[in-house]
PDB file of N, CA and C in Angstrom:
ATOM      1  N   SER A   1       7.074 -40.211  15.022  1.00  0.00           N
ATOM      2  CA  SER A   1       5.672 -40.097  13.987  1.00  0.00           C
ATOM      3  C   SER A   1       6.258 -39.576  12.533  1.00  0.00           C
ATOM      4  N   THR A   2       5.467 -39.787  11.521  1.00  0.00           N
ATOM      5  CA  THR A   2       5.656 -39.365  10.230  1.00  0.00           C
ATOM      6  C   THR A   2       6.143 -38.122   9.954  1.00  0.00           C
ATOM      7  N   MET A   3       5.347 -37.236  10.857  1.00  0.00           N
ATOM      8  CA  MET A   3       5.689 -35.660  10.884  1.00  0.00           C
ATOM      9  C   MET A   3       7.098 -35.562  11.023  1.00  0.00           C
ATOM     10  N   GLN A   4       7.650 -35.950  12.220  1.00  0.00           N
ATOM     11  CA  GLN A   4       8.820 -35.820  12.736  1.00  0.00           C
ATOM     12  C   GLN A   4       9.904 -36.405  11.906  1.00  0.00           C
ATOM     13  N   HIS A   5       9.773 -37.544  11.317  1.00  0.00           N
ATOM     14  CA  HIS A   5      10.773 -37.883  10.594  1.00  0.00           C
ATOM     15  C   HIS A   5      10.810 -37.221   9.083  1.00  0.00           C
ATOM     16  N   LYS A   6       9.951 -36.711   8.859  1.00  0.00           N
ATOM     17  CA  LYS A   6       9.896 -35.987   7.675  1.00  0.00           C
ATOM     18  C   LYS A   6      10.687 -34.646   7.887  1.00  0.00           C
ATOM     19  N   GLN A   7      10.227 -33.843   9.153  1.00  0.00           N
ATOM     20  CA  GLN A   7      10.820 -32.751   9.260  1.00  0.00           C
ATOM     21  C   GLN A   7      12.521 -32.896   9.658  1.00  0.00           C
ATOM     22  N   LYS A   8      12.683 -34.103  10.120  1.00  0.00           N
ATOM     23  CA  LYS A   8      14.217 -34.250  10.363  1.00  0.00           C
ATOM     24  C   LYS A   8      14.962 -34.664   9.311  1.00  0.00           C
ATOM     25  N   GLN A   9      14.455 -35.278   8.555  1.00  0.00           N
ATOM     26  CA  GLN A   9      15.003 -35.946   7.221  1.00  0.00           C
ATOM     27  C   GLN A   9      15.173 -34.752   6.470  1.00  0.00           C
ATOM     28  N   GLN A  10      14.566 -33.895   5.985  1.00  0.00           N
ATOM     29  CA  GLN A  10      14.531 -32.532   5.058  1.00  0.00           C
ATOM     30  C   GLN A  10      14.690 -31.205   5.963  1.00  0.00           C
ATOM     31  N   ASN A  11      14.934 -31.253   7.203  1.00  0.00           N
ATOM     32  CA  ASN A  11      14.938 -30.073   7.942  1.00  0.00           C
ATOM     33  C   ASN A  11      13.748 -28.994   7.816  1.00  0.00           C
ATOM     34  N   ILE A  12      12.893 -29.331   7.502  1.00  0.00           N
ATOM     35  CA  ILE A  12      11.660 -28.577   7.118  1.00  0.00           C
ATOM     36  C   ILE A  12      10.579 -27.998   8.605  1.00  0.00           C
ATOM     37  N   PRO A  13      10.735 -26.871   8.837  1.00  0.00           N
ATOM     38  CA  PRO A  13       9.742 -26.492   9.930  1.00  0.00           C
ATOM     39  C   PRO A  13       8.405 -27.071   9.645  1.00  0.00           C
ATOM     40  N   VAL A  14       7.878 -27.324  10.715  1.00  0.00           N
ATOM     41  CA  VAL A  14       6.340 -27.865  10.594  1.00  0.00           C
ATOM     42  C   VAL A  14       5.120 -27.055  11.712  1.00  0.00           C
ATOM     43  N   ILE A  15       4.226 -26.550  11.058  1.00  0.00           N
ATOM     44  CA  ILE A  15       3.202 -25.963  11.328  1.00  0.00           C
ATOM     45  C   ILE A  15       2.102 -26.984  11.609  1.00  0.00           C
ATOM     46  N   TRP A  16       1.613 -27.250  12.696  1.00  0.00           N
ATOM     47  CA  TRP A  16       0.359 -28.476  12.651  1.00  0.00           C
ATOM     48  C   TRP A  16      -0.562 -27.727  13.767  1.00  0.00           C
ATOM     49  N   LEU A  17      -1.978 -27.663  12.789  1.00  0.00           N
ATOM     50  CA  LEU A  17      -2.972 -26.907  13.614  1.00  0.00           C
ATOM     51  C   LEU A  17      -4.389 -27.774  13.245  1.00  0.00           C
ATOM     52  N   GLY A  18      -5.375 -27.665  14.259  1.00  0.00           N
ATOM     53  CA  GLY A  18      -6.530 -28.034  14.247  1.00  0.00           C
ATOM     54  C   GLY A  18      -7.047 -29.135  15.314  1.00  0.00           C
ATOM     55  N   ASP A  19      -8.131 -29.509  15.183  1.00  0.00           N
ATOM     56  CA  ASP A  19      -8.629 -30.244  16.201  1.00  0.00           C
ATOM     57  C   ASP A  19      -7.982 -31.754  16.491  1.00  0.00           C
ATOM     58  N   LEU A  20      -6.904 -31.397  17.393  1.00  0.00           N
ATOM     59  CA  LEU A  20      -6.379 -32.599  17.872  1.00  0.00           C
ATOM     60  C   LEU A  20      -7.024 -33.738  18.832  1.00  0.00           C
ATOM     61  N   ASN A  21      -8.167 -33.337  19.322  1.00  0.00           N
ATOM     62  CA  ASN A  21      -8.810 -34.045  20.149  1.00  0.00           C
ATOM     63  C   ASN A  21      -8.267 -34.576  21.467  1.00  0.00           C
ATOM     64  N   VAL A  22      -7.478 -33.603  22.137  1.00  0.00           N
ATOM     65  CA  VAL A  22      -6.840 -33.942  23.432  1.00  0.00           C
ATOM     66  C   VAL A  22      -6.860 -32.474  23.789  1.00  0.00           C
ATOM     67  N   ALA A  23      -7.071 -32.517  25.406  1.00  0.00           N
ATOM     68  CA  ALA A  23      -7.128 -31.572  26.261  1.00  0.00           C
ATOM     69  C   ALA A  23      -5.880 -31.886  26.834  1.00  0.00           C
ATOM     70  N   HIS A  24      -4.520 -31.100  26.741  1.00  0.00           N
ATOM     71  CA  HIS A  24      -3.377 -31.625  27.100  1.00  0.00           C
ATOM     72  C   HIS A  24      -3.063 -31.585  28.798  1.00  0.00           C
ATOM     73  N   THR A  25      -3.445 -30.360  29.215  1.00  0.00           N
ATOM     74  CA  THR A  25      -3.110 -30.224  30.503  1.00  0.00           C
ATOM     75  C   THR A  25      -4.406 -29.684  31.434  1.00  0.00           C
ATOM     76  N   ALA A  26      -4.521 -29.631  32.822  1.00  0.00           N
ATOM     77  CA  ALA A  26      -5.251 -28.889  33.622  1.00  0.00           C
ATOM     78  C   ALA A  26      -6.216 -27.884  33.308  1.00  0.00           C
ATOM     79  N   LEU A  27      -5.063 -27.142  32.478  1.00  0.00           N
ATOM     80  CA  LEU A  27      -5.730 -25.641  32.242  1.00  0.00           C
ATOM     81  C   LEU A  27      -6.476 -25.690  31.225  1.00  0.00           C
ATOM     82  N   ASP A  28      -6.722 -27.034  30.182  1.00  0.00           N
ATOM     83  CA  ASP A  28      -7.336 -26.921  29.191  1.00  0.00           C
ATOM     84  C   ASP A  28      -8.325 -27.662  29.157  1.00  0.00           C
ATOM     85  N   VAL A  29      -9.113 -27.804  30.567  1.00  0.00           N
ATOM     86  CA  VAL A  29     -10.299 -28.401  30.827  1.00  0.00           C
ATOM     87  C   VAL A  29     -11.034 -27.722  32.036  1.00  0.00           C
ATOM     88  N   TRP A  30     -12.296 -27.488  32.017  1.00  0.00           N
ATOM     89  CA  TRP A  30     -12.748 -26.820  32.867  1.00  0.00           C
ATOM     90  C   TRP A  30     -12.920 -27.627  34.457  1.00  0.00           C
ATOM     91  N   ASN A  31     -13.097 -28.738  34.214  1.00  0.00           N
ATOM     92  CA  ASN A  31     -13.296 -29.700  35.424  1.00  0.00           C
ATOM     93  C   ASN A  31     -12.475 -30.440  35.713  1.00  0.00           C
ATOM     94  N   ASP A  32     -11.086 -29.893  35.730  1.00  0.00           N
ATOM     95  CA  ASP A  32      -9.930 -30.993  36.117  1.00  0.00           C
ATOM     96  C   ASP A  32      -9.697 -31.726  37.462  1.00  0.00           C
ATOM     97  N   GLY A  33      -9.623 -32.541  37.708  1.00  0.00           N
ATOM     98  CA  GLY A  33      -9.779 -33.506  38.690  1.00  0.00           C
ATOM     99  C   GLY A  33     -10.971 -34.284  38.875  1.00  0.00           C
ATOM    100  N   ALA A  34     -11.960 -33.919  37.756  1.00  0.00           N
ATOM    101  CA  ALA A  34     -13.124 -35.033  37.880  1.00  0.00           C
ATOM    102  C   ALA A  34     -12.892 -36.422  37.953  1.00  0.00           C
ATOM    103  N   LYS A  35     -13.294 -37.182  38.454  1.00  0.00           N
ATOM    104  CA  LYS A  35     -13.279 -38.359  38.576  1.00  0.00           C
ATOM    105  C   LYS A  35     -13.346 -39.198  37.258  1.00  0.00           C
ATOM    106  N   HIS A  36     -14.156 -38.828  36.172  1.00  0.00           N
ATOM    107  CA  HIS A  36     -14.285 -39.202  35.118  1.00  0.00           C
ATOM    108  C   HIS A  36     -13.131 -38.984  33.857  1.00  0.00           C
ATOM    109  N   LEU A  37     -12.492 -38.149  34.093  1.00  0.00           N
ATOM    110  CA  LEU A  37     -11.600 -37.522  33.139  1.00  0.00           C
ATOM    111  C   LEU A  37     -10.425 -38.493  32.713  1.00  0.00           C
ATOM    112  N   PRO A  38      -9.818 -39.460  33.406  1.00  0.00           N
ATOM    113  CA  PRO A  38      -8.810 -40.171  32.918  1.00  0.00           C
ATOM    114  C   PRO A  38      -9.286 -41.268  32.269  1.00  0.00           C
ATOM    115  N   LYS A  39     -10.650 -41.411  32.189  1.00  0.00           N
ATOM    116  CA  LYS A  39     -11.601 -42.279  31.247  1.00  0.00           C
ATOM    117  C   LYS A  39     -12.466 -42.007  30.027  1.00  0.00           C
ATOM    118  N   SER A  40     -12.338 -40.482  29.800  1.00  0.00           N
ATOM    119  CA  SER A  40     -13.064 -39.899  28.955  1.00  0.00           C
ATOM    120  C   SER A  40     -12.104 -39.555  27.870  1.00  0.00           C
ATOM    121  N   ALA A  41     -12.637 -39.763  26.642  1.00  0.00           N
ATOM    122  CA  ALA A  41     -12.064 -39.620  25.201  1.00  0.00           C
ATOM    123  C   ALA A  41     -11.431 -37.581  25.156  1.00  0.00           C
ATOM    124  N   GLY A  42     -10.381 -37.616  25.012  1.00  0.00           N
ATOM    125  CA  GLY A  42      -9.615 -36.430  24.877  1.00  0.00           C
ATOM    126  C   GLY A  42      -8.676 -36.173  26.051  1.00  0.00           C
ATOM    127  N   THR A  43      -9.017 -36.971  27.339  1.00  0.00           N
ATOM    128  CA  THR A  43      -8.272 -36.467  28.745  1.00  0.00           C
ATOM    129  C   THR A  43      -7.682 -37.856  29.236  1.00  0.00           C
ATOM    130  N   THR A  44      -7.443 -38.976  28.389  1.00  0.00           N
ATOM    131  CA  THR A  44      -7.182 -39.976  29.200  1.00  0.00           C
ATOM    132  C   THR A  44      -5.547 -39.801  29.228  1.00  0.00           C
ATOM    133  N   PRO A  45      -4.756 -40.248  30.173  1.00  0.00           N
ATOM    134  CA  PRO A  45      -3.407 -40.339  30.339  1.00  0.00           C
ATOM    135  C   PRO A  45      -2.607 -40.752  29.060  1.00  0.00           C
ATOM    136  N   GLU A  46      -3.143 -41.382  28.362  1.00  0.00           N
ATOM    137  CA  GLU A  46      -2.579 -42.075  27.264  1.00  0.00           C
ATOM    138  C   GLU A  46      -2.323 -41.018  26.348  1.00  0.00           C
ATOM    139  N   GLU A  47      -3.579 -40.516  25.997  1.00  0.00           N
ATOM    140  CA  GLU A  47      -3.825 -39.185  24.856  1.00  0.00           C
ATOM    141  C   GLU A  47      -2.760 -38.087  25.238  1.00  0.00           C
ATOM    142  N   ARG A  48      -2.963 -37.571  26.553  1.00  0.00           N
ATOM    143  CA  ARG A  48      -2.392 -36.775  27.019  1.00  0.00           C
ATOM    144  C   ARG A  48      -0.564 -36.725  26.924  1.00  0.00           C
ATOM    145  N   ASP A  49      -0.255 -38.094  27.361  1.00  0.00           N
ATOM    146  CA  ASP A  49       1.395 -38.469  27.255  1.00  0.00           C
ATOM    147  C   ASP A  49       1.741 -38.458  25.790  1.00  0.00           C
ATOM    148  N   SER A  50       0.891 -38.916  25.291  1.00  0.00           N
ATOM    149  CA  SER A  50       1.176 -39.075  23.575  1.00  0.00           C
ATOM    150  C   SER A  50       1.522 -37.392  23.024  1.00  0.00           C
ATOM    151  N   PHE A  51       0.444 -36.837  23.376  1.00  0.00           N
ATOM    152  CA  PHE A  51       0.662 -35.248  22.725  1.00  0.00           C
ATOM    153  C   PHE A  51       2.044 -34.651  23.661  1.00  0.00           C
ATOM    154  N   GLN A  52       2.190 -34.939  24.549  1.00  0.00           N
ATOM    155  CA  GLN A  52       3.437 -34.528  25.310  1.00  0.00           C
ATOM    156  C   GLN A  52       4.757 -34.857  24.640  1.00  0.00           C
ATOM    157  N   ARG A  53       4.736 -36.143  24.252  1.00  0.00           N
ATOM    158  CA  ARG A  53       5.901 -36.819  23.481  1.00  0.00           C
ATOM    159  C   ARG A  53       5.765 -35.887  22.343  1.00  0.00           C
ATOM    160  N   GLN A  54       4.950 -35.580  21.351  1.00  0.00           N
ATOM    161  CA  GLN A  54       5.240 -34.561  20.315  1.00  0.00           C
ATOM    162  C   GLN A  54       5.731 -33.253  20.773  1.00  0.00           C
ATOM    163  N   LEU A  55       5.168 -32.898  21.600  1.00  0.00           N
ATOM    164  CA  LEU A  55       6.118 -31.564  22.084  1.00  0.00           C
ATOM    165  C   LEU A  55       7.482 -32.119  22.669  1.00  0.00           C
ATOM    166  N   ASP A  56       7.755 -32.793  23.202  1.00  0.00           N
ATOM    167  CA  ASP A  56       9.171 -33.052  23.638  1.00  0.00           C
ATOM    168  C   ASP A  56      10.126 -33.280  22.321  1.00  0.00           C
ATOM    169  N   ALA A  57       9.362 -33.805  21.247  1.00  0.00           N
ATOM    170  CA  ALA A  57      10.029 -34.186  20.129  1.00  0.00           C
ATOM    171  C   ALA A  57      10.485 -32.943  19.245  1.00  0.00           C
ATOM    172  N   GLY A  58      10.271 -31.691  19.956  1.00  0.00           N
ATOM    173  CA  GLY A  58      10.585 -30.444  19.214  1.00  0.00           C
ATOM    174  C   GLY A  58       9.595 -29.413  18.761  1.00  0.00           C
ATOM    175  N   TYR A  59       8.451 -29.520  19.332  1.00  0.00           N
ATOM    176  CA  TYR A  59       7.300 -29.072  18.885  1.00  0.00           C
ATOM    177  C   TYR A  59       6.841 -28.094  19.999  1.00  0.00           C
ATOM    178  N   VAL A  60       6.158 -26.937  19.451  1.00  0.00           N
ATOM    179  CA  VAL A  60       5.696 -25.829  20.719  1.00  0.00           C
ATOM    180  C   VAL A  60       3.765 -25.890  20.525  1.00  0.00           C
ATOM    181  N   ASP A  61       3.350 -25.812  21.788  1.00  0.00           N
ATOM    182  CA  ASP A  61       1.918 -25.570  21.776  1.00  0.00           C
ATOM    183  C   ASP A  61       2.004 -23.852  21.825  1.00  0.00           C
ATOM    184  N   VAL A  62       1.745 -23.185  20.706  1.00  0.00           N
ATOM    185  CA  VAL A  62       1.925 -21.891  20.476  1.00  0.00           C
ATOM    186  C   VAL A  62       1.088 -21.186  21.250  1.00  0.00           C
ATOM    187  N   PHE A  63      -0.233 -21.385  21.554  1.00  0.00           N
ATOM    188  CA  PHE A  63      -1.011 -20.673  22.404  1.00  0.00           C
ATOM    189  C   PHE A  63      -0.778 -20.592  23.925  1.00  0.00           C
ATOM    190  N   ARG A  64      -0.066 -21.965  24.329  1.00  0.00           N
ATOM    191  CA  ARG A  64       0.475 -22.148  25.623  1.00  0.00           C
ATOM    192  C   ARG A  64       1.581 -21.351  26.023  1.00  0.00           C
ATOM    193  N   MET A  65       2.477 -21.316  24.773  1.00  0.00           N
ATOM    194  CA  MET A  65       3.477 -20.617  24.883  1.00  0.00           C
ATOM    195  C   MET A  65       3.606 -19.137  25.274  1.00  0.00           C
ATOM    196  N   LEU A  66       2.395 -18.583  24.334  1.00  0.00           N
ATOM    197  CA  LEU A  66       2.051 -17.156  24.634  1.00  0.00           C
ATOM    198  C   LEU A  66       1.242 -16.629  26.094  1.00  0.00           C
ATOM    199  N   HIS A  67       0.469 -17.878  26.149  1.00  0.00           N
ATOM    200  CA  HIS A  67      -0.459 -17.572  27.583  1.00  0.00           C
ATOM    201  C   HIS A  67      -0.441 -18.899  28.456  1.00  0.00           C
ATOM    202  N   PRO A  68       0.944 -18.943  29.244  1.00  0.00           N
ATOM    203  CA  PRO A  68       1.204 -20.199  29.931  1.00  0.00           C
ATOM    204  C   PRO A  68       0.189 -20.220  30.907  1.00  0.00           C
ATOM    205  N   GLU A  69      -0.685 -19.230  31.641  1.00  0.00           N
ATOM    206  CA  GLU A  69      -1.223 -19.589  32.687  1.00  0.00           C
ATOM    207  C   GLU A  69      -2.893 -19.320  32.161  1.00  0.00           C
ATOM    208  N   ALA A  70      -3.097 -18.986  31.098  1.00  0.00           N
ATOM    209  CA  ALA A  70      -4.512 -18.786  30.576  1.00  0.00           C
ATOM    210  C   ALA A  70      -5.585 -19.836  30.879  1.00  0.00           C
ATOM    211  N   LYS A  71      -6.680 -19.518  31.635  1.00  0.00           N
ATOM    212  CA  LYS A  71      -7.602 -20.437  31.805  1.00  0.00           C
ATOM    213  C   LYS A  71      -8.822 -20.251  31.418  1.00  0.00           C
ATOM    214  N   GLY A  72      -9.597 -20.980  31.155  1.00  0.00           N
ATOM    215  CA  GLY A  72     -11.157 -20.826  30.276  1.00  0.00           C
ATOM    216  C   GLY A  72     -10.961 -20.588  29.137  1.00  0.00           C
ATOM    217  N   GLN A  73      -9.874 -20.866  28.434  1.00  0.00           N
ATOM    218  CA  GLN A  73      -9.817 -20.530  26.659  1.00  0.00           C
ATOM    219  C   GLN A  73     -10.017 -21.922  26.173  1.00  0.00           C
ATOM    220  N   TYR A  74     -11.542 -22.070  25.729  1.00  0.00           N
ATOM    221  CA  TYR A  74     -11.473 -23.576  25.426  1.00  0.00           C
ATOM    222  C   TYR A  74     -12.180 -23.244  23.853  1.00  0.00           C
ATOM    223  N   SER A  75     -12.160 -24.525  23.156  1.00  0.00           N
ATOM    224  CA  SER A  75     -12.673 -24.561  21.696  1.00  0.00           C
ATOM    225  C   SER A  75     -13.934 -25.381  21.542  1.00  0.00           C
ATOM    226  N   TYR A  76     -14.182 -26.176  22.687  1.00  0.00           N
ATOM    227  CA  TYR A  76     -15.424 -27.351  22.422  1.00  0.00           C
ATOM    228  C   TYR A  76     -16.059 -27.153  23.652  1.00  0.00           C
ATOM    229  N   TRP A  77     -17.157 -27.260  23.492  1.00  0.00           N
ATOM    230  CA  TRP A  77     -18.444 -27.349  24.668  1.00  0.00           C
ATOM    231  C   TRP A  77     -19.346 -28.244  24.352  1.00  0.00           C
ATOM    232  N   SER A  78     -19.777 -28.927  25.511  1.00  0.00           N
ATOM    233  CA  SER A  78     -21.056 -29.839  25.023  1.00  0.00           C
ATOM    234  C   SER A  78     -22.343 -29.269  24.769  1.00  0.00           C
ATOM    235  N   GLN A  79     -22.534 -29.477  23.709  1.00  0.00           N
ATOM    236  CA  GLN A  79     -24.018 -28.528  23.236  1.00  0.00           C
ATOM    237  C   GLN A  79     -25.321 -29.491  24.104  1.00  0.00           C
ATOM    238  N   ARG A  80     -25.118 -30.616  23.914  1.00  0.00           N
ATOM    239  CA  ARG A  80     -26.469 -31.177  24.640  1.00  0.00           C
ATOM    240  C   ARG A  80     -26.457 -30.760  26.173  1.00  0.00           C
ATOM    241  N   ALA A  81     -25.059 -30.673  26.728  1.00  0.00           N
ATOM    242  CA  ALA A  81     -25.326 -30.185  28.471  1.00  0.00           C
ATOM    243  C   ALA A  81     -25.566 -28.851  28.554  1.00  0.00           C
ATOM    244  N   GLY A  82     -25.633 -27.954  27.400  1.00  0.00           N
ATOM    245  CA  GLY A  82     -25.466 -26.565  27.412  1.00  0.00           C
ATOM    246  C   GLY A  82     -24.309 -25.687  28.001  1.00  0.00           C
ATOM    247  N   ASN A  83     -23.150 -26.489  27.656  1.00  0.00           N
ATOM    248  CA  ASN A  83     -22.109 -26.163  28.557  1.00  0.00           C
ATOM    249  C   ASN A  83     -21.416 -24.771  27.935  1.00  0.00           C
ATOM    250  N   ARG A  84     -21.791 -24.216  26.516  1.00  0.00           N
ATOM    251  CA  ARG A  84     -20.822 -23.086  26.289  1.00  0.00           C
ATOM    252  C   ARG A  84     -21.531 -21.859  27.224  1.00  0.00           C
ATOM    253  N   PRO A  85     -22.666 -21.485  27.341  1.00  0.00           N
ATOM    254  CA  PRO A  85     -22.886 -20.199  28.101  1.00  0.00           C
ATOM    255  C   PRO A  85     -21.969 -19.979  29.393  1.00  0.00           C
ATOM    256  N   PRO A  86     -21.785 -21.258  30.132  1.00  0.00           N
ATOM    257  CA  PRO A  86     -21.223 -21.144  31.283  1.00  0.00           C
ATOM    258  C   PRO A  86     -19.579 -21.262  31.189  1.00  0.00           C
ATOM    259  N   ASN A  87     -19.308 -21.839  29.873  1.00  0.00           N
ATOM    260  CA  ASN A  87     -17.805 -22.007  29.458  1.00  0.00           C
ATOM    261  C   ASN A  87     -17.374 -23.295  30.170  1.00  0.00           C
ATOM    262  N   LYS A  88     -17.808 -24.295  30.315  1.00  0.00           N
ATOM    263  CA  LYS A  88     -17.380 -25.620  30.566  1.00  0.00           C
ATOM    264  C   LYS A  88     -16.989 -26.086  29.370  1.00  0.00           C
ATOM    265  N   GLY A  89     -15.758 -26.172  29.145  1.00  0.00           N
ATOM    266  CA  GLY A  89     -15.708 -26.813  27.714  1.00  0.00           C
ATOM    267  C   GLY A  89     -14.109 -27.566  28.244  1.00  0.00           C
ATOM    268  N   LEU A  90     -13.349 -27.560  27.014  1.00  0.00           N
ATOM    269  CA  LEU A  90     -12.154 -28.087  26.842  1.00  0.00           C
ATOM    270  C   LEU A  90     -11.393 -27.506  25.628  1.00  0.00           C
ATOM    271  N   ARG A  91     -10.210 -27.343  25.666  1.00  0.00           N
ATOM    272  CA  ARG A  91      -9.275 -26.682  24.671  1.00  0.00           C
ATOM    273  C   ARG A  91      -8.652 -28.329  23.850  1.00  0.00           C
ATOM    274  N   LEU A  92      -9.374 -28.266  22.726  1.00  0.00           N
ATOM    275  CA  LEU A  92      -9.115 -29.293  21.936  1.00  0.00           C
ATOM    276  C   LEU A  92      -8.289 -29.283  20.584  1.00  0.00           C
ATOM    277  N   ASP A  93      -8.361 -27.747  20.459  1.00  0.00           N
ATOM    278  CA  ASP A  93      -7.887 -27.304  18.905  1.00  0.00           C
ATOM    279  C   ASP A  93      -6.484 -26.696  19.063  1.00  0.00           C
ATOM    280  N   TYR A  94      -5.698 -27.007  18.472  1.00  0.00           N
ATOM    281  CA  TYR A  94      -4.143 -26.482  18.916  1.00  0.00           C
ATOM    282  C   TYR A  94      -3.433 -25.616  17.637  1.00  0.00           C
ATOM    283  N   PHE A  95      -2.586 -25.064  17.695  1.00  0.00           N
ATOM    284  CA  PHE A  95      -1.510 -24.379  16.545  1.00  0.00           C
ATOM    285  C   PHE A  95      -0.041 -24.682  17.315  1.00  0.00           C
ATOM    286  N   VAL A  96       0.376 -25.698  16.656  1.00  0.00           N
ATOM    287  CA  VAL A  96       1.734 -26.283  16.976  1.00  0.00           C
ATOM    288  C   VAL A  96       2.755 -26.344  16.078  1.00  0.00           C
ATOM    289  N   GLY A  97       3.501 -25.675  16.397  1.00  0.00           N
ATOM    290  CA  GLY A  97       5.043 -25.287  15.529  1.00  0.00           C
ATOM    291  C   GLY A  97       6.045 -25.917  15.902  1.00  0.00           C
ATOM    292  N   SER A  98       7.192 -26.082  14.966  1.00  0.00           N
ATOM    293  CA  SER A  98       8.529 -26.528  15.254  1.00  0.00           C
ATOM    294  C   SER A  98       9.192 -25.794  15.907  1.00  0.00           C
ATOM    295  N   ARG A  99       9.810 -26.099  17.265  1.00  0.00           N
ATOM    296  CA  ARG A  99      10.659 -25.390  18.151  1.00  0.00           C
ATOM    297  C   ARG A  99      11.280 -23.958  17.539  1.00  0.00           C
ATOM    298  N   SER A 100      11.920 -24.536  16.395  1.00  0.00           N
ATOM    299  CA  SER A 100      12.823 -23.676  15.543  1.00  0.00           C
ATOM    300  C   SER A 100      12.069 -22.578  14.902  1.00  0.00           C
ATOM    301  N   LEU A 101      10.849 -22.598  14.546  1.00  0.00           N
ATOM    302  CA  LEU A 101       9.899 -21.303  14.241  1.00  0.00           C
ATOM    303  C   LEU A 101       9.738 -20.363  15.364  1.00  0.00           C
ATOM    304  N   MET A 102       9.674 -20.928  16.445  1.00  0.00           N
ATOM    305  CA  MET A 102       9.460 -19.861  17.734  1.00  0.00           C
ATOM    306  C   MET A 102      10.520 -19.083  17.960  1.00  0.00           C
ATOM    307  N   SER A 103      11.458 -19.669  17.778  1.00  0.00           N
ATOM    308  CA  SER A 103      13.014 -19.411  18.202  1.00  0.00           C
ATOM    309  C   SER A 103      13.978 -18.462  17.259  1.00  0.00           C
ATOM    310  N   GLY A 104      13.036 -18.255  15.708  1.00  0.00           N
ATOM    311  CA  GLY A 104      14.083 -17.345  14.778  1.00  0.00           C
ATOM    312  C   GLY A 104      14.835 -18.564  14.363  1.00  0.00           C
ATOM    313  N   GLY A 105      14.926 -19.937  14.389  1.00  0.00           N
ATOM    314  CA  GLY A 105      15.615 -20.643  13.509  1.00  0.00           C
ATOM    315  C   GLY A 105      16.712 -21.274  14.202  1.00  0.00           C
ATOM    316  N   ASP A 106      17.214 -20.848  15.589  1.00  0.00           N
ATOM    317  CA  ASP A 106      18.228 -21.431  16.176  1.00  0.00           C
ATOM    318  C   ASP A 106      17.842 -22.781  16.713  1.00  0.00           C
ATOM    319  N   GLY A 107      16.692 -23.428  16.838  1.00  0.00           N
ATOM    320  CA  GLY A 107      16.382 -24.388  17.719  1.00  0.00           C
ATOM    321  C   GLY A 107      16.507 -23.971  19.245  1.00  0.00           C
ATOM    322  N   GLU A 108      16.597 -23.139  19.654  1.00  0.00           N
ATOM    323  CA  GLU A 108      16.512 -22.828  21.151  1.00  0.00           C
ATOM    324  C   GLU A 108      15.187 -21.924  21.010  1.00  0.00           C
ATOM    325  N   GLY A 109      14.492 -22.558  22.374  1.00  0.00           N
ATOM    326  CA  GLY A 109      13.024 -21.947  22.812  1.00  0.00           C
ATOM    327  C   GLY A 109      13.083 -21.067  23.619  1.00  0.00           C
TER     328      GLY A 109
END
C-alpha cells in the first residue's frame, strides 16, 4: 500500500486510526459464526485477509494488543435493528500503529 511504501521509504512511524469498515476477528463481532457473515460488508474473508496483510506488514492493532481477549467491545451497532442496548455490534474502528512505535523503536513487538 501507499502507506507502507511511504513509511519504509522514509522510515517514518505511522499511526492510522478511524472507521476501517472491517471486523477483523471473531472477537470483533457479536454473532461470529452466523451464516451471513462471509457475505456481509465488513466481515467478508477478503476484507479480513486484507486487514491481516496490513498487520503482517509491520502494523499493530493497538486495542487488541492491549486487550487480546476482550469481547463485546464494539464501535458500530445497527440502529434500525435496535442492536445497541443488547450490545449486538461490530468493532469497525481501529487505532493501528507501526510495530516500532509499540516496541520503543527497535522493531521488535
